[in-house]
Amino acid sequence: MRINFGAGPSMIPPEVLKEAHKEFIDFEGSGISIMEASHRSTLYDKVHNEAIDLIRELYALPNEFDILFLQGGASMQFAMVPLNLYEGGAIEFADTGVWSAKAIEEAKLLGYNFKIVASSKDETYSYIPEVNFSNDADYAYITSNNTIYGTQYKNFPKTKSPLVVDASSDIFSYMVDWENVDLLFAGAQKNAGPSGITIVIIRKNLLERSSNSVPTMLRYKTHAKANSLYNTPPTFSIYLLNLTMKWIKSQGGIKKIEKYNKSKASLLYEALDNSNGFYVPHAKKESRSLMNVSFKLQDNELESELLKEATKAGMIGLKGHRSVGGLRASIYNAMRIEGVSALCELLNEFAKKRG
């Protein structure tokens, strides 16, 4: 099996894939695949609600939050969030990369009043800026982890305004302080399963903000009232999400996952930092991500050669995003420390030969 460092869709735990393979044709003795089961059937109902219950359990999520399964990817949330939460005041953004910039563009497109209260664009998004949101915004908005630039919030900013978090690339990788979060959303394709499902965790008192002028399918309360079954959900994606939640639980829960992620990231950053400048991480040390490690070689001409060496060694997905170039190793929950160790060995050997 190849070592997949892809940024998303990304590596899924082998245990999850094996279980899905075993049940693919005959789910729990039903004689059919879960993909063929009606979303209104008892067979699927168990999978759907078990996934919701596991998310609540793993995150120790208070009862004042609803868990929604939506479609359209995290990008759909760039529009759904303002459509549902804007009340005519102001939206406040922290701009830390491509995805927060896209969310800002959607608010602008809708004609809503917004402010960018912090940004790291001045240094190619290489750090997480200090953020001071006001206490009377309609909502405040951050992207918790930036896949392209390899930066991540270590702590969410405190605010009395409702805090919205795009956690697409670090959901389920650390415990969340729900006292300080009002809406958290994520596409599943990095830490929660395959693409096709978007998870939205929303404080119930925000559900009534959306007006009836918002299209029915774009209202959070539509999906909350129907337990995310207003229309046909992506049933197979939710089935794989459920298996992934079971896997996280089997690993000891999110706290154990977080500890493991820190060990993996520390190993990789150590290899980069000890290369005497041969490798140059994009993110500043205090803002480094545990999920996405973006870096360049001091000699850019060697990058394609390194990628070829990685491919020969069975490693894929290391090419950096086109906006920053270089290389990027995404080390999400499913990545084993053995895979990171193999990459470190490759990097060390390559630096010795070419440095």
Protein backbone atom coordinates (compact mmCIF):
# COMPACT_ATOMS: atom_id res chain seq x y z
CA MET A 1 0.00 0.00 0.00
CA ARG A 2 1.28 3.47 -0.89
CA ILE A 3 1.90 6.12 1.75
CA ASN A 4 -0.63 8.81 0.93
CA PHE A 5 0.32 12.36 1.95
CA GLY A 6 -2.47 13.89 -0.17
CA ALA A 7 -4.22 16.99 1.17
CA GLY A 8 -7.73 15.75 0.42
CA PRO A 9 -9.39 13.53 -0.47
CA SER A 10 -6.84 11.87 1.71
CA MET A 11 -5.86 8.73 3.53
CA ILE A 12 -8.63 6.73 5.22
CA PRO A 13 -7.70 4.35 8.06
CA PRO A 14 -6.99 0.89 6.58
CA GLU A 15 -9.22 -0.65 9.25
CA VAL A 16 -12.14 1.42 7.93
CA LEU A 17 -11.48 0.39 4.33
CA LYS A 18 -11.25 -3.27 5.29
CA GLU A 19 -14.53 -3.15 7.20
CA ALA A 20 -16.25 -1.38 4.30
CA HIS A 21 -14.83 -3.96 1.88
CA LYS A 22 -16.14 -6.81 4.02
CA GLU A 23 -19.65 -5.29 4.17
CA PHE A 24 -19.76 -3.80 0.68
CA ILE A 25 -22.07 -6.36 -0.94
CA ASP A 26 -23.92 -7.63 2.11
CA PHE A 27 -24.41 -5.16 4.96
CA GLU A 28 -25.17 -6.88 8.27
CA GLY A 29 -26.75 -9.89 6.56
CA SER A 30 -29.35 -7.77 4.78
CA GLY A 31 -28.41 -9.12 1.36
CA ILE A 32 -27.83 -5.62 -0.02
CA SER A 33 -25.12 -2.97 0.12
CA ILE A 34 -25.73 -0.01 2.42
CA MET A 35 -25.54 2.09 -0.78
CA GLU A 36 -28.72 0.37 -1.95
CA ALA A 37 -30.66 0.85 1.27
CA SER A 38 -33.36 3.52 1.39
CA HIS A 39 -32.45 6.50 3.54
CA ARG A 40 -35.85 5.97 5.17
CA SER A 41 -35.13 2.33 6.04
CA THR A 42 -34.42 0.94 9.50
CA LEU A 43 -31.17 -0.46 8.13
CA TYR A 44 -29.81 2.96 7.19
CA ASP A 45 -31.44 4.76 10.12
CA LYS A 46 -29.17 2.88 12.52
CA VAL A 47 -26.02 3.98 10.64
CA HIS A 48 -27.16 7.60 10.39
CA ASN A 49 -27.99 8.05 14.05
CA GLU A 50 -25.02 6.06 15.27
CA ALA A 51 -22.72 8.47 13.40
CA ILE A 52 -24.41 11.46 15.04
CA ASP A 53 -24.22 9.85 18.49
CA LEU A 54 -20.53 9.01 18.07
CA ILE A 55 -19.66 12.58 17.05
CA ARG A 56 -21.47 13.86 20.12
CA GLU A 57 -19.70 11.34 22.35
CA LEU A 58 -16.20 11.83 20.93
CA TYR A 59 -16.44 15.62 21.08
CA ALA A 60 -18.24 15.65 24.46
CA LEU A 61 -20.69 17.91 22.65
CA PRO A 62 -23.24 19.73 24.86
CA ASN A 63 -26.96 19.19 24.20
CA GLU A 64 -27.39 22.79 23.02
CA PHE A 65 -25.73 21.85 19.73
CA ASP A 66 -27.21 20.10 16.70
CA ILE A 67 -25.16 17.95 14.31
CA LEU A 68 -26.08 18.26 10.64
CA PHE A 69 -25.01 16.21 7.62
CA LEU A 70 -25.10 18.41 4.51
CA GLN A 71 -23.79 18.38 0.95
CA GLY A 72 -21.98 20.87 -1.26
CA GLY A 73 -18.65 20.58 0.52
CA ALA A 74 -17.23 23.13 2.93
CA SER A 75 -17.35 25.66 0.09
CA MET A 76 -21.15 25.66 0.24
CA GLN A 77 -20.82 26.82 3.84
CA PHE A 78 -19.09 30.01 2.68
CA ALA A 79 -22.56 31.07 1.49
CA MET A 80 -24.78 29.16 3.93
CA VAL A 81 -23.16 30.69 7.01
CA PRO A 82 -23.89 34.33 6.07
CA LEU A 83 -27.30 33.46 4.62
CA ASN A 84 -28.30 31.93 7.94
CA LEU A 85 -26.46 34.08 10.48
CA TYR A 86 -26.24 37.62 9.08
CA GLU A 87 -28.62 40.02 10.83
CA GLY A 88 -27.78 43.32 9.15
CA GLY A 89 -24.87 44.27 11.37
CA ALA A 90 -21.34 43.21 10.46
CA ILE A 91 -19.40 40.02 9.88
CA GLU A 92 -15.81 39.96 11.13
CA PHE A 93 -13.19 37.79 9.44
CA ALA A 94 -9.65 36.69 10.18
CA ASP A 95 -8.01 36.20 6.78
CA THR A 96 -5.41 33.44 7.06
CA GLY A 97 -5.42 31.87 3.60
CA VAL A 98 -7.23 30.88 0.43
CA TRP A 99 -10.28 29.40 2.13
CA SER A 100 -11.00 32.30 4.46
CA ALA A 101 -10.53 34.60 1.46
CA LYS A 102 -13.17 32.61 -0.44
CA ALA A 103 -15.57 32.95 2.51
CA ILE A 104 -14.98 36.70 2.50
CA GLU A 105 -15.76 36.83 -1.22
CA GLU A 106 -19.12 35.12 -0.65
CA ALA A 107 -20.12 37.69 1.99
CA LYS A 108 -19.08 40.42 -0.44
CA LEU A 109 -21.09 38.81 -3.24
CA LEU A 110 -24.17 38.76 -1.03
CA GLY A 111 -23.72 42.46 -0.35
CA TYR A 112 -23.33 41.99 3.40
CA ASN A 113 -21.34 44.33 5.60
CA PHE A 114 -18.06 42.76 6.67
CA LYS A 115 -14.68 43.65 8.15
CA ILE A 116 -11.32 41.93 7.95
CA VAL A 117 -10.01 42.41 11.47
CA ALA A 118 -6.79 40.40 11.09
CA SER A 119 -4.75 39.06 8.19
CA SER A 120 -1.43 37.37 7.45
CA LYS A 121 -1.63 38.01 3.71
CA ASP A 122 1.28 40.47 4.04
CA GLU A 123 3.66 37.52 4.58
CA THR A 124 2.06 34.97 2.25
CA TYR A 125 -0.09 33.62 5.07
CA SER A 126 2.91 32.20 6.90
CA TYR A 127 1.53 32.87 10.38
CA ILE A 128 -1.65 33.11 12.41
CA PRO A 129 -2.19 36.81 13.25
CA GLU A 130 -3.38 38.10 16.59
CA VAL A 131 -7.16 38.36 16.40
CA ASN A 132 -9.36 40.72 18.39
CA PHE A 133 -13.00 40.40 17.41
CA SER A 134 -15.55 42.90 18.66
CA ASN A 135 -18.34 41.74 20.96
CA ASP A 136 -21.24 42.93 18.82
CA ALA A 137 -20.59 41.39 15.39
CA ASP A 138 -23.30 39.21 13.85
CA TYR A 139 -20.60 36.57 13.93
CA ALA A 140 -16.82 36.19 13.86
CA TYR A 141 -15.14 33.81 11.43
CA ILE A 142 -11.87 31.86 11.39
CA THR A 143 -10.33 28.96 9.47
CA SER A 144 -8.75 26.78 12.13
CA ASN A 145 -6.16 25.10 9.90
CA ASN A 146 -4.81 26.22 6.55
CA THR A 147 -4.02 23.28 4.29
CA ILE A 148 -2.08 25.24 1.68
CA TYR A 149 0.16 27.29 3.95
CA GLY A 150 0.55 24.86 6.84
CA THR A 151 -0.64 27.14 9.64
CA GLN A 152 -3.04 26.39 12.49
CA TYR A 153 -4.62 28.14 15.47
CA LYS A 154 -3.27 26.80 18.75
CA ASN A 155 -6.20 28.39 20.58
CA PHE A 156 -9.37 29.93 19.18
CA PRO A 157 -9.78 33.67 19.78
CA LYS A 158 -12.14 34.64 22.58
CA THR A 159 -15.20 36.66 21.58
CA LYS A 160 -18.72 37.36 22.79
CA SER A 161 -19.86 37.40 19.18
CA PRO A 162 -20.84 33.97 17.83
CA LEU A 163 -17.66 32.28 16.61
CA VAL A 164 -17.79 30.33 13.33
CA VAL A 165 -14.94 27.90 12.64
CA ASP A 166 -14.10 26.31 9.31
CA ALA A 167 -12.39 23.16 10.63
CA SER A 168 -12.29 21.28 7.34
CA SER A 169 -8.71 20.12 7.65
CA ASP A 170 -8.37 19.52 11.38
CA ILE A 171 -11.79 18.32 12.56
CA PHE A 172 -11.56 15.44 15.07
CA SER A 173 -7.82 16.00 15.55
CA TYR A 174 -8.11 17.79 18.93
CA MET A 175 -10.79 18.48 21.52
CA VAL A 176 -12.81 21.66 21.04
CA ASP A 177 -13.81 24.10 23.79
CA TRP A 178 -17.51 24.39 22.93
CA GLU A 179 -17.94 27.29 25.33
CA ASN A 180 -16.11 29.39 22.77
CA VAL A 181 -17.56 27.99 19.52
CA ASP A 182 -21.03 28.50 18.08
CA LEU A 183 -20.78 26.89 14.65
CA LEU A 184 -18.12 24.52 13.35
CA PHE A 185 -18.17 22.98 9.89
CA ALA A 186 -15.95 20.69 7.85
CA GLY A 187 -15.82 18.69 4.69
CA ALA A 188 -15.25 15.07 5.69
CA GLN A 189 -12.51 14.21 3.20
CA LYS A 190 -9.50 14.82 5.42
CA ASN A 191 -10.18 13.38 8.88
CA ALA A 192 -13.74 12.07 8.79
CA GLY A 193 -14.04 9.82 5.74
CA PRO A 194 -14.57 10.37 2.02
CA SER A 195 -15.73 13.43 0.13
CA GLY A 196 -19.45 13.96 -0.33
CA ILE A 197 -20.52 14.90 3.18
CA THR A 198 -20.18 18.13 5.12
CA ILE A 199 -20.52 18.14 8.90
CA VAL A 200 -22.05 21.20 10.56
CA ILE A 201 -22.17 21.50 14.35
CA ILE A 202 -24.34 24.46 15.30
CA ARG A 203 -25.63 25.96 18.50
CA LYS A 204 -29.41 25.52 18.50
CA ASN A 205 -30.17 29.14 19.33
CA LEU A 206 -28.65 30.16 15.99
CA LEU A 207 -31.06 28.04 13.96
CA GLU A 208 -33.87 30.59 14.11
CA ARG A 209 -31.75 33.39 12.68
CA SER A 210 -32.36 32.36 9.08
CA SER A 211 -35.32 34.03 7.44
CA ASN A 212 -37.89 32.26 5.27
CA SER A 213 -36.52 34.17 2.30
CA VAL A 214 -33.46 31.92 2.38
CA PRO A 215 -34.02 28.98 -0.01
CA THR A 216 -35.33 25.96 1.87
CA MET A 217 -32.35 23.70 1.19
CA LEU A 218 -29.95 26.42 2.34
CA ARG A 219 -31.55 26.88 5.78
CA TYR A 220 -29.88 25.10 8.68
CA LYS A 221 -33.21 24.75 10.47
CA THR A 222 -34.61 22.77 7.53
CA HIS A 223 -32.02 20.08 8.08
CA ALA A 224 -32.07 20.28 11.88
CA LYS A 225 -35.83 19.65 11.98
CA ALA A 226 -35.48 16.67 9.62
CA ASN A 227 -32.44 15.12 11.35
CA SER A 228 -30.49 15.75 8.12
CA LEU A 229 -33.00 13.64 6.19
CA TYR A 230 -34.93 16.42 4.46
CA ASN A 231 -33.70 15.03 1.14
CA THR A 232 -31.62 11.96 0.26
CA PRO A 233 -28.31 12.28 2.10
CA PRO A 234 -25.01 10.83 0.81
CA THR A 235 -25.69 7.53 2.57
CA PHE A 236 -22.47 5.70 1.71
CA SER A 237 -20.34 8.69 2.77
CA ILE A 238 -22.19 8.79 6.09
CA TYR A 239 -21.67 5.03 6.49
CA LEU A 240 -17.90 5.56 6.05
CA LEU A 241 -18.03 8.54 8.40
CA ASN A 242 -19.64 6.26 10.98
CA LEU A 243 -16.87 3.68 10.55
CA THR A 244 -14.27 6.44 10.92
CA MET A 245 -15.85 7.63 14.17
CA LYS A 246 -15.74 4.04 15.46
CA TRP A 247 -12.06 3.92 14.48
CA ILE A 248 -11.30 7.14 16.39
CA LYS A 249 -13.03 5.67 19.43
CA SER A 250 -11.00 2.46 19.09
CA GLN A 251 -7.80 4.53 19.10
CA GLY A 252 -8.68 5.93 22.52
CA GLY A 253 -10.67 8.96 21.42
CA ILE A 254 -9.74 12.42 20.20
CA LYS A 255 -7.34 13.21 23.07
CA LYS A 256 -5.20 10.18 22.18
CA ILE A 257 -5.41 11.10 18.49
CA GLU A 258 -4.19 14.62 19.30
CA LYS A 259 -1.22 13.31 21.26
CA TYR A 260 -0.31 10.99 18.40
CA ASN A 261 -0.63 13.82 15.87
CA LYS A 262 1.77 15.96 17.88
CA SER A 263 4.34 13.15 17.85
CA LYS A 264 4.09 12.77 14.07
CA ALA A 265 4.37 16.49 13.41
CA SER A 266 7.29 16.90 15.81
CA LEU A 267 9.20 14.16 14.00
CA LEU A 268 8.71 15.77 10.59
CA TYR A 269 9.44 19.34 11.66
CA GLU A 270 12.59 18.13 13.41
CA ALA A 271 13.82 16.61 10.15
CA LEU A 272 13.18 19.87 8.30
CA ASP A 273 14.72 22.09 10.98
CA ASN A 274 17.84 19.94 11.27
CA SER A 275 18.61 20.11 7.54
CA ASN A 276 20.84 23.21 7.87
CA GLY A 277 18.49 25.22 5.69
CA PHE A 278 18.25 22.63 2.90
CA TYR A 279 14.50 22.44 3.63
CA VAL A 280 12.57 25.62 4.43
CA PRO A 281 9.15 25.27 6.16
CA HIS A 282 6.61 27.85 4.99
CA ALA A 283 4.91 28.46 8.34
CA LYS A 284 6.52 30.29 11.22
CA LYS A 285 7.25 28.01 14.18
CA GLU A 286 4.58 29.40 16.49
CA SER A 287 1.88 28.87 13.84
CA ARG A 288 2.84 25.46 12.47
CA SER A 289 0.08 23.02 11.62
CA LEU A 290 -0.11 19.47 12.97
CA MET A 291 -2.02 18.44 9.85
CA ASN A 292 -0.26 20.00 6.83
CA VAL A 293 3.49 20.55 6.63
CA SER A 294 4.36 22.85 3.73
CA PHE A 295 8.01 23.36 2.82
CA LYS A 296 10.41 24.19 0.01
CA LEU A 297 13.94 23.24 -0.87
CA GLN A 298 16.56 25.96 -0.80
CA ASP A 299 17.38 24.86 -4.35
CA ASN A 300 14.01 24.82 -6.13
CA GLU A 301 15.40 22.83 -9.04
CA LEU A 302 15.78 19.82 -6.77
CA GLU A 303 12.10 19.66 -5.85
CA SER A 304 11.02 17.65 -8.89
CA GLU A 305 13.91 15.25 -8.28
CA LEU A 306 12.82 14.76 -4.67
CA LEU A 307 9.24 14.11 -5.78
CA LYS A 308 10.50 11.41 -8.17
CA GLU A 309 12.46 9.81 -5.34
CA ALA A 310 9.36 9.89 -3.14
CA THR A 311 7.25 8.24 -5.83
CA LYS A 312 9.84 5.46 -6.19
CA ALA A 313 9.64 4.95 -2.43
CA GLY A 314 5.84 4.56 -2.64
CA MET A 315 4.93 8.02 -1.37
CA ILE A 316 2.25 10.05 -3.13
CA GLY A 317 0.53 13.43 -2.70
CA LEU A 318 3.63 15.43 -1.74
CA LYS A 319 3.47 18.10 -4.44
CA GLY A 320 2.66 21.49 -2.93
CA HIS A 321 -0.37 23.58 -3.84
CA ARG A 322 0.07 25.57 -7.04
CA SER A 323 -0.28 28.89 -5.19
CA VAL A 324 2.86 28.36 -3.09
CA GLY A 325 4.69 25.51 -4.82
CA GLY A 326 7.18 23.40 -2.96
CA LEU A 327 6.09 20.26 -1.16
CA ARG A 328 3.37 19.49 1.34
CA ALA A 329 2.97 16.48 3.59
CA SER A 330 -0.55 16.11 4.95
CA ILE A 331 -0.38 13.96 8.07
CA TYR A 332 -4.01 13.67 9.09
CA ASN A 333 -5.36 11.31 11.74
CA ALA A 334 -5.09 8.22 9.52
CA MET A 335 -1.39 8.70 8.75
CA ARG A 336 0.71 6.33 10.84
CA ILE A 337 3.94 7.46 12.45
CA GLU A 338 5.72 4.80 10.37
CA GLY A 339 4.74 6.73 7.24
CA VAL A 340 6.12 9.96 8.67
CA SER A 341 9.31 8.16 9.70
CA ALA A 342 9.73 6.84 6.16
CA LEU A 343 9.38 10.37 4.78
CA CYS A 344 11.92 11.70 7.28
CA GLU A 345 14.40 9.03 6.24
CA LEU A 346 13.92 9.98 2.60
CA LEU A 347 14.36 13.69 3.35
CA ASN A 348 17.51 13.07 5.39
CA GLU A 349 19.07 10.87 2.72
CA PHE A 350 18.20 13.28 -0.05
CA ALA A 351 19.73 16.20 1.87
CA LYS A 352 22.92 14.23 2.42
CA LYS A 353 23.22 13.40 -1.27
CA ARG A 354 22.21 16.79 -2.68
CA GLY A 355 22.91 19.24 0.12
